[in-house]
Protein backbone atom coordinates (compact mmCIF):
# COMPACT_ATOMS: atom_id res chain seq x y z
CA UNK A 1 107.48 -10.43 57.86
CA UNK A 2 109.87 -8.08 56.07
CA UNK A 3 111.04 -10.87 53.76
CA UNK A 4 107.48 -11.89 52.94
CA UNK A 5 106.61 -8.31 52.00
CA UNK A 6 109.62 -7.94 49.73
CA UNK A 7 108.94 -11.31 48.09
CA UNK A 8 105.28 -10.48 47.57
CA UNK A 9 106.11 -7.09 46.06
CA UNK A 10 108.59 -8.70 43.67
CA UNK A 11 105.99 -11.21 42.49
CA UNK A 12 103.39 -8.47 42.06
CA UNK A 13 105.78 -6.24 40.14
CA UNK A 14 106.75 -9.08 37.81
CA UNK A 15 103.12 -10.04 37.20
CA UNK A 16 102.11 -6.45 36.58
CA UNK A 17 104.48 -6.09 33.63
CA UNK A 18 102.74 -8.77 31.57
CA UNK A 19 99.92 -8.24 29.10
CA UNK A 20 96.60 -9.70 30.22
CA UNK A 21 95.87 -12.89 28.26
CA UNK A 22 92.56 -12.89 26.41
CA UNK A 23 91.43 -16.04 28.21
CA UNK A 24 91.94 -14.43 31.64
CA UNK A 25 89.21 -12.22 33.03
CA UNK A 26 89.86 -8.66 34.12
CA UNK A 27 89.08 -9.60 37.72
CA UNK A 28 91.39 -12.61 37.81
CA UNK A 29 94.27 -10.79 36.13
CA UNK A 30 94.26 -7.67 38.29
CA UNK A 31 93.64 -9.59 41.49
CA UNK A 32 96.86 -11.50 40.80
CA UNK A 33 98.71 -8.37 39.68
CA UNK A 34 97.73 -6.27 42.70
CA UNK A 35 97.21 -8.81 45.48
CA UNK A 36 99.37 -11.78 44.40
CA UNK A 37 96.96 -14.67 45.08
CA UNK A 38 93.80 -15.03 42.98
CA UNK A 39 91.61 -16.11 45.89
CA UNK A 40 87.98 -15.31 46.65
CA UNK A 41 89.06 -13.09 49.54
CA UNK A 42 91.46 -11.15 47.34
CA UNK A 43 88.93 -10.78 44.56
CA UNK A 44 86.50 -9.34 47.11
CA UNK A 45 89.26 -6.98 48.28
CA UNK A 46 89.95 -5.83 44.71
CA UNK A 47 86.29 -5.09 44.11
CA UNK A 48 86.07 -3.27 47.44
CA UNK A 49 89.02 -1.06 46.51
CA UNK A 50 87.65 -0.22 43.08
CA UNK A 51 83.99 0.26 44.02
CA UNK A 52 84.80 2.34 47.09
CA UNK A 53 86.94 4.57 44.88
CA UNK A 54 84.07 4.89 42.40
CA UNK A 55 81.81 6.03 45.24
CA UNK A 56 84.00 8.40 47.28
CA UNK A 57 86.96 9.07 44.98
CA UNK A 58 90.66 8.48 45.62
CA UNK A 59 91.48 7.24 49.10
CA UNK A 60 94.39 4.83 48.56
CA UNK A 61 98.06 5.56 48.01
CA UNK A 62 99.85 5.09 45.83
CA UNK A 63 97.84 5.18 42.66
CA UNK A 64 99.01 6.08 39.18
CA UNK A 65 98.13 9.75 39.59
CA UNK A 66 94.60 9.57 38.18
CA UNK A 67 92.19 11.86 40.01
CA UNK A 68 88.81 10.28 40.78
CA UNK A 69 86.14 12.63 42.17
CA UNK A 70 83.69 9.79 42.86
CA UNK A 71 79.97 9.61 42.18
CA UNK A 72 79.05 11.42 45.40
CA UNK A 73 80.91 14.55 44.27
CA UNK A 74 79.29 17.17 42.10
CA UNK A 75 80.73 17.31 38.61
CA UNK A 76 80.04 17.92 34.96
CA UNK A 77 79.45 15.69 31.98
CA UNK A 78 79.17 17.02 28.42
CA UNK A 79 79.17 20.51 29.94
CA UNK A 80 76.13 19.74 32.10
CA UNK A 81 76.14 19.86 35.89
CA UNK A 82 75.65 16.47 37.54
CA UNK A 83 74.85 15.81 41.19
CA UNK A 84 74.13 12.18 42.07
CA UNK A 85 74.33 12.60 45.84
CA UNK A 86 70.58 13.23 46.37
CA UNK A 87 69.85 9.76 44.97
CA UNK A 88 72.01 8.27 47.72
CA UNK A 89 71.33 10.39 50.80
CA UNK A 90 67.53 10.27 50.70
CA UNK A 91 66.97 13.82 49.49
CA UNK A 92 65.06 12.44 46.50
CA UNK A 93 62.18 9.97 46.62
CA UNK A 94 63.87 7.82 44.00
CA UNK A 95 64.19 4.29 45.42
CA UNK A 96 61.95 1.46 44.28
CA UNK A 97 60.41 -0.35 47.21
CA UNK A 98 57.63 -2.04 45.28
CA UNK A 99 55.08 0.76 44.99
CA UNK A 100 53.99 2.93 42.09
CA UNK A 101 56.38 5.77 42.94
CA UNK A 102 59.78 6.26 44.48
CA UNK A 103 60.49 6.55 48.17
CA UNK A 104 63.28 8.25 50.10
CA UNK A 105 66.05 5.90 51.27
CA UNK A 106 69.32 7.03 52.82
CA UNK A 107 72.05 4.74 51.48
CA UNK A 108 74.72 6.59 53.49
CA UNK A 109 73.20 5.66 56.84
CA UNK A 110 76.07 3.68 58.34
CA UNK A 111 79.17 5.84 58.44
CA UNK A 112 79.11 7.40 54.99
CA UNK A 113 82.60 7.73 53.55
CA UNK A 114 84.54 6.84 56.70
CA UNK A 115 84.18 3.03 56.58
CA UNK A 116 84.82 3.07 52.84
CA UNK A 117 88.18 4.73 53.52
CA UNK A 118 88.95 1.69 55.69
CA UNK A 119 88.09 -0.74 52.84
CA UNK A 120 84.72 -1.60 54.35
CA UNK A 121 81.18 -1.18 52.98
CA UNK A 122 79.75 0.22 56.21
CA UNK A 123 80.24 0.21 59.97
CA UNK A 124 77.64 -2.51 60.48
CA UNK A 125 76.01 -5.29 58.47
CA UNK A 126 72.31 -4.44 58.54
CA UNK A 127 72.12 -0.96 57.07
CA UNK A 128 71.03 0.37 53.68
CA UNK A 129 74.65 1.35 53.09
CA UNK A 130 75.91 -2.18 53.75
CA UNK A 131 73.26 -3.62 51.43
CA UNK A 132 74.10 -1.21 48.60
CA UNK A 133 77.88 -1.47 48.77
CA UNK A 134 78.07 -5.25 49.12
CA UNK A 135 75.69 -5.68 46.19
CA UNK A 136 77.85 -3.33 44.13
CA UNK A 137 80.92 -5.44 44.95
CA UNK A 138 79.05 -8.58 43.92
CA UNK A 139 77.53 -7.13 40.75
CA UNK A 140 80.83 -5.76 39.46
CA UNK A 141 82.56 -8.99 40.47
CA UNK A 142 80.26 -10.85 38.11
CA UNK A 143 80.64 -8.24 35.38
CA UNK A 144 84.42 -8.46 35.56
CA UNK A 145 84.47 -12.26 35.56
CA UNK A 146 85.72 -13.06 39.06
CA UNK A 147 86.26 -16.82 38.82
CA UNK A 148 86.26 -17.37 42.60
CA UNK A 149 83.03 -15.49 43.25
CA UNK A 150 80.51 -17.72 44.99
CA UNK A 151 83.24 -19.37 47.04
CA UNK A 152 83.74 -18.58 50.76
CA UNK A 153 85.08 -15.05 50.96
CA UNK A 154 83.20 -13.53 48.04
CA UNK A 155 79.46 -14.08 47.72
CA UNK A 156 77.73 -14.35 44.37
CA UNK A 157 75.38 -11.53 43.44
CA UNK A 158 71.92 -12.20 44.82
CA UNK A 159 70.32 -8.81 44.26
CA UNK A 160 67.37 -7.85 42.09
CA UNK A 161 67.96 -9.05 38.52
CA UNK A 162 66.58 -6.01 36.64
CA UNK A 163 68.60 -2.81 37.03
CA UNK A 164 65.75 -0.98 35.30
CA UNK A 165 63.39 -1.95 38.11
CA UNK A 166 65.93 -0.89 40.72
CA UNK A 167 66.50 2.52 39.13
CA UNK A 168 63.24 3.31 37.35
CA UNK A 169 62.11 6.01 39.81
CA UNK A 170 65.39 7.89 39.40
CA UNK A 171 64.58 8.97 35.81
CA UNK A 172 68.29 9.16 35.02
CA UNK A 173 69.48 10.96 31.90
CA UNK A 174 72.51 10.41 29.69
CA UNK A 175 74.67 12.90 31.60
CA UNK A 176 74.04 11.24 34.94
CA UNK A 177 74.67 7.74 33.59
CA UNK A 178 77.68 8.97 31.63
CA UNK A 179 79.16 10.57 34.73
CA UNK A 180 78.72 7.32 36.68
CA UNK A 181 80.38 5.24 33.96
CA UNK A 182 83.20 7.80 33.77
CA UNK A 183 83.90 7.40 37.48
CA UNK A 184 84.12 3.64 37.02
CA UNK A 185 86.68 4.15 34.26
CA UNK A 186 88.71 6.63 36.28
CA UNK A 187 88.69 4.38 39.34
CA UNK A 188 89.98 1.45 37.31
CA UNK A 189 92.64 3.62 35.69
CA UNK A 190 93.77 4.89 39.09
CA UNK A 191 94.78 1.33 40.00
CA UNK A 192 96.82 0.92 36.83
CA UNK A 193 94.25 -1.01 34.79
CA UNK A 194 95.24 -0.95 31.12
CA UNK A 195 93.39 1.44 28.84
CA UNK A 196 92.09 -1.42 26.70
CA UNK A 197 90.60 -3.10 29.76
CA UNK A 198 89.02 0.14 30.97
CA UNK A 199 87.41 0.49 27.55
CA UNK A 200 86.13 -3.09 27.70
CA UNK A 201 84.46 -2.37 31.05
CA UNK A 202 82.98 0.82 29.62
CA UNK A 203 81.53 -1.04 26.65
CA UNK A 204 79.89 -3.55 28.96
CA UNK A 205 78.35 -0.81 31.14
CA UNK A 206 77.14 1.21 28.17
CA UNK A 207 75.65 -1.87 26.54
CA UNK A 208 73.78 -2.74 29.70
CA UNK A 209 72.62 0.60 31.02
CA UNK A 210 72.99 3.54 28.67
CA UNK A 211 70.26 3.11 26.03
CA UNK A 212 66.59 3.85 26.47
CA UNK A 213 64.15 1.00 25.82
CA UNK A 214 66.88 -1.61 25.45
CA UNK A 215 65.59 -5.20 25.13
CA UNK A 216 66.05 -7.73 27.93
CA UNK A 217 69.76 -8.40 28.43
CA UNK A 218 71.71 -10.74 30.69
CA UNK A 219 73.90 -8.99 33.26
CA UNK A 220 74.19 -11.88 35.74
CA UNK A 221 74.31 -15.22 33.93
CA UNK A 222 72.31 -17.07 36.58
CA UNK A 223 69.49 -14.51 36.36
CA UNK A 224 68.98 -14.57 32.59
CA UNK A 225 67.77 -11.72 30.35
CA UNK A 226 66.21 -8.79 32.21
CA UNK A 227 65.38 -5.15 31.50
CA UNK A 228 68.62 -3.35 32.34
CA UNK A 229 68.36 0.20 30.98
CA UNK A 230 68.86 2.85 33.66
CA UNK A 231 69.16 5.74 31.22
CA UNK A 232 65.42 6.18 30.64
CA UNK A 233 64.87 9.93 30.24
CA UNK A 234 63.52 11.05 26.88
CA UNK A 235 66.92 12.50 26.01
CA UNK A 236 68.70 9.14 26.40
CA UNK A 237 69.84 7.49 23.13
CA UNK A 238 67.27 5.04 21.84
CA UNK A 239 68.36 1.43 21.77
CA UNK A 240 68.61 -0.58 18.60
CA UNK A 241 65.73 -3.08 18.62
CA UNK A 242 64.01 -0.84 21.16
CA UNK A 243 61.26 -2.41 23.24
CA UNK A 244 59.66 0.69 24.75
CA UNK A 245 56.40 -1.15 25.41
CA UNK A 246 58.19 -3.15 28.12
CA UNK A 247 59.07 0.02 30.04
CA UNK A 248 56.70 2.11 32.13
CA UNK A 249 56.25 5.87 31.71
CA UNK A 250 59.05 7.80 33.36
CA UNK A 251 58.23 9.17 36.82
CA UNK A 252 60.45 12.01 38.00
CA UNK A 253 61.61 11.73 41.63
CA UNK A 254 60.34 14.36 44.05
CA UNK A 255 62.54 16.38 46.38
CA UNK A 256 62.24 15.32 50.00
CA UNK A 257 64.75 17.74 51.50
CA UNK A 258 66.47 20.83 50.21
CA UNK A 259 69.46 20.46 52.53
CA UNK A 260 71.66 18.29 50.34
CA UNK A 261 75.17 19.37 49.53
CA UNK A 262 77.95 17.27 48.05
CA UNK A 263 80.96 16.63 50.25
CA UNK A 264 83.34 17.36 47.41
CA UNK A 265 83.54 19.97 44.69
CA UNK A 266 83.81 19.44 40.93
CA UNK A 267 87.31 18.52 39.85
CA UNK A 268 86.77 18.40 36.12
CA UNK A 269 84.31 17.83 33.36
CA UNK A 270 83.74 14.96 30.96
CA UNK A 271 82.34 14.67 27.47
CA UNK A 272 81.25 11.98 25.10
CA UNK A 273 82.88 10.84 21.88
CA UNK A 274 82.96 7.67 19.81
CA UNK A 275 85.95 5.42 20.55
CA UNK A 276 83.95 2.21 20.18
CA UNK A 277 80.48 0.85 19.30
CA UNK A 278 77.83 1.00 22.00
CA UNK A 279 75.13 -1.40 20.92
CA UNK A 280 73.57 -3.96 23.22
CA UNK A 281 74.73 -7.37 24.31
CA UNK A 282 72.67 -9.99 22.50
CA UNK A 283 74.17 -13.13 23.98
CA UNK A 284 74.15 -14.55 27.46
CA UNK A 285 76.59 -12.49 29.49
CA UNK A 286 78.12 -9.06 29.04
CA UNK A 287 81.11 -9.85 31.25
CA UNK A 288 84.14 -7.80 30.24
CA UNK A 289 86.74 -10.55 30.18
CA UNK A 290 88.77 -9.95 27.03
CA UNK A 291 90.83 -7.10 25.74
CA UNK A 292 88.89 -4.63 23.64
CA UNK A 293 85.91 -6.88 23.09
CA UNK A 294 82.52 -7.70 24.57
CA UNK A 295 79.47 -9.67 23.57
CA UNK A 296 77.71 -6.86 21.72
CA UNK A 297 76.39 -6.39 18.24
CA UNK A 298 74.67 -3.77 16.15
CA UNK A 299 75.43 -0.08 15.82
CA UNK A 300 74.90 2.90 18.10
CA UNK A 301 72.12 5.43 17.71
CA UNK A 302 74.24 8.24 19.15
CA UNK A 303 77.80 9.00 20.14
CA UNK A 304 79.10 6.77 22.90
CA UNK A 305 80.62 7.55 26.25
CA UNK A 306 84.36 8.11 26.41
CA UNK A 307 85.93 6.34 29.35
CA UNK A 308 88.89 8.47 30.44
CA UNK A 309 92.03 6.36 30.64
CA UNK A 310 94.78 8.52 32.08
CA UNK A 311 97.24 5.67 31.75
CA UNK A 312 100.17 4.92 34.00
CA UNK A 313 102.77 5.75 31.39
CA UNK A 314 101.57 9.34 31.18
CA UNK A 315 102.04 9.73 34.92
CA UNK A 316 105.43 8.06 35.25
CA UNK A 317 103.98 5.25 37.37
CA UNK A 318 102.79 1.76 36.57
CA UNK A 319 100.71 -1.10 37.85
CA UNK A 320 103.76 -2.50 39.60
CA UNK A 321 104.00 0.60 41.78
CA UNK A 322 100.33 0.38 42.66
CA UNK A 323 100.69 -3.34 43.37
CA UNK A 324 103.55 -2.62 45.73
CA UNK A 325 101.57 0.05 47.55
CA UNK A 326 98.44 -2.05 47.86
CA UNK A 327 100.35 -5.10 49.07
CA UNK A 328 102.35 -3.06 51.57
CA UNK A 329 99.08 -1.67 52.89
CA UNK A 330 97.39 -5.06 53.09
CA UNK A 331 100.27 -7.13 54.54
């Protein structure tokens, strides 16, 4: 067992030093770099590690020293306070269950953070929490180009095709969406993902979600073009080729309970800038599979979201160190 661990760590360290080829997806490359074998099971594990970190913040060691508060923690974006927890714990009537207004749904109903710390979506398999987390793994697996997804070990995404329909009763603004995208970038960086790849993921997320009235866009290839904007407040940047007539009037969610309080405190603030274009994908799939590029065209109508990329070099650690830690934990 000791020999197999050492051998696996050596392979991972060697793989981690290489530059990701443009014809290799982000998912495939980092699954191999961190977990050695690019199998469906390992791709599912990679997405579990990253998505769980997005949700609850850092819980694995080692990482490259990047602090990730997680989307359940209060924080700031562009100097504005952000608190996404009430959308998840049922304090806001913000979930779409097919009616003409939002309803309260507790998506932390099966253990909350504790099973996530154990690399699980939930304690059971029939809860709202299990449904949400597994669909997040699957959605991001498709976005990141996991080639083994759909094989035994990692199911293909089978959730609702329109993210606008899923989120329309949340009435999210640009600070809330920006904070979410920032946590995705930080989580990826914490596992040693290259800055260029973090930016590619950010471009894909911004193109899909961050512009009001965006035209139908394909997120999941098998599902075709759908309305995907989740930034729908009046203050959200207006999409190029806006199709506002396809979107319903914004309905603000109502407060169900006043007892909510985040389980973590703000650890920093984030702001927007303009490191890359943020127009909308016009082709079939917005999968972030190549370095510094995505299937987008046009020009932005406002400044785009900066994805923080506190790279490994700045922290004296690299992807090889993370790979060793992850493999030692998994073996």
